[in-house]
Amino acid sequence: MKNNKKLTFNDFKKELLSDPEVNLAYKELGPEYDIIRQVIKARVEQNLTQAQLAKKIGTRQSNISRLEHGNYNPSLSFLKKLALGLGKELQISIF
């Protein structure tokens, strides 16, 4: 970013996170993206499409898609159904 040298993703991320505002925003979004990553990973490992998972938990495919794209703020109830549908256990921690 300061010069035309090619950066690796990790170098680029490190440079961006050196900005305190970007770093704070990144940390604030961490829990949402952790959930998204875990849902996608579990769904893919089980060879489920979004539509199949949605049918399994009684919702629409668009709700799964919006969640996976970070465009949906799910309720605790929805996350419980999602975990159950994926054969997982929902755990919440505050620390």
Protein backbone atom coordinates (compact mmCIF):
# COMPACT_ATOMS: atom_id res chain seq x y z
CA MET A 1 0.00 0.00 0.00
CA LYS A 2 2.92 2.36 0.62
CA ASN A 3 4.74 1.06 -2.45
CA ASN A 4 4.06 -1.20 -5.41
CA LYS A 5 5.65 -4.26 -3.79
CA LYS A 6 3.37 -7.31 -3.84
CA LEU A 7 1.97 -8.08 -0.41
CA THR A 8 0.84 -11.40 0.92
CA PHE A 9 -2.60 -11.48 2.47
CA ASN A 10 -1.08 -11.72 5.96
CA ASP A 11 1.16 -8.71 5.32
CA PHE A 12 -1.80 -6.76 3.96
CA LYS A 13 -3.93 -7.72 6.99
CA LYS A 14 -1.14 -6.78 9.40
CA GLU A 15 -0.74 -3.39 7.73
CA LEU A 16 -4.50 -2.71 7.84
CA LEU A 17 -4.76 -3.79 11.47
CA SER A 18 -2.00 -1.38 12.44
CA ASP A 19 -4.65 1.36 12.08
CA PRO A 20 -6.39 1.58 15.51
CA GLU A 21 -9.83 2.27 13.98
CA VAL A 22 -9.61 -0.67 11.59
CA ASN A 23 -8.31 -2.88 14.39
CA LEU A 24 -11.23 -1.96 16.66
CA ALA A 25 -13.80 -2.60 13.91
CA TYR A 26 -12.13 -5.94 13.12
CA LYS A 27 -12.32 -7.01 16.77
CA GLU A 28 -15.95 -5.90 17.07
CA LEU A 29 -16.96 -8.03 14.06
CA GLY A 30 -15.02 -11.08 15.25
CA PRO A 31 -17.88 -12.94 16.97
CA GLU A 32 -20.21 -12.57 13.99
CA TYR A 33 -17.61 -13.88 11.57
CA ASP A 34 -16.69 -16.74 13.91
CA ILE A 35 -20.31 -17.91 13.87
CA ILE A 36 -20.50 -17.58 10.09
CA ARG A 37 -17.29 -19.58 9.60
CA GLN A 38 -18.47 -22.32 11.96
CA VAL A 39 -21.89 -22.61 10.29
CA ILE A 40 -20.42 -22.79 6.79
CA LYS A 41 -17.78 -25.31 7.88
CA ALA A 42 -20.32 -27.59 9.57
CA ARG A 43 -22.75 -27.36 6.65
CA VAL A 44 -20.07 -28.12 4.06
CA GLU A 45 -18.62 -30.99 6.13
CA GLN A 46 -22.10 -32.55 6.17
CA ASN A 47 -22.52 -32.01 2.42
CA LEU A 48 -25.64 -29.94 3.00
CA THR A 49 -26.78 -27.19 0.68
CA GLN A 50 -28.25 -24.06 2.16
CA ALA A 51 -31.67 -25.24 1.00
CA GLN A 52 -31.25 -28.63 2.68
CA LEU A 53 -30.17 -27.06 5.95
CA ALA A 54 -33.04 -24.57 5.78
CA LYS A 55 -35.56 -27.36 5.26
CA LYS A 56 -34.04 -29.32 8.12
CA ILE A 57 -34.54 -26.43 10.58
CA GLY A 58 -37.80 -25.09 9.19
CA THR A 59 -36.67 -21.84 7.63
CA ARG A 60 -36.05 -20.45 4.16
CA GLN A 61 -32.83 -20.88 2.20
CA SER A 62 -32.59 -17.10 1.96
CA ASN A 63 -32.22 -16.89 5.76
CA ILE A 64 -29.25 -19.27 5.65
CA SER A 65 -27.74 -17.31 2.78
CA ARG A 66 -28.17 -13.97 4.54
CA LEU A 67 -26.57 -15.40 7.69
CA GLU A 68 -23.62 -16.83 5.76
CA HIS A 69 -23.09 -13.52 3.96
CA GLY A 70 -23.20 -11.51 7.18
CA ASN A 71 -26.46 -9.78 6.27
CA TYR A 72 -28.60 -11.27 9.02
CA ASN A 73 -28.57 -10.72 12.75
CA PRO A 74 -29.96 -14.05 13.99
CA SER A 75 -31.89 -14.47 17.21
CA LEU A 76 -30.68 -16.81 19.90
CA SER A 77 -33.62 -19.07 19.04
CA PHE A 78 -32.51 -19.24 15.40
CA LEU A 79 -28.93 -20.07 16.42
CA LYS A 80 -30.22 -22.86 18.67
CA LYS A 81 -32.25 -24.35 15.80
CA LEU A 82 -29.26 -24.01 13.49
CA ALA A 83 -26.94 -25.77 15.92
CA LEU A 84 -29.45 -28.57 16.45
CA GLY A 85 -29.95 -28.96 12.69
CA LEU A 86 -26.20 -29.28 12.26
CA GLY A 87 -25.92 -31.78 15.10
CA LYS A 88 -23.94 -29.28 17.14
CA GLU A 89 -24.28 -27.65 20.52
CA LEU A 90 -24.60 -23.90 20.88
CA GLN A 91 -22.24 -22.46 23.47
CA ILE A 92 -22.11 -18.81 24.42
CA SER A 93 -19.34 -17.25 26.50
CA ILE A 94 -18.79 -13.81 27.91
CA PHE A 95 -15.26 -13.10 29.01
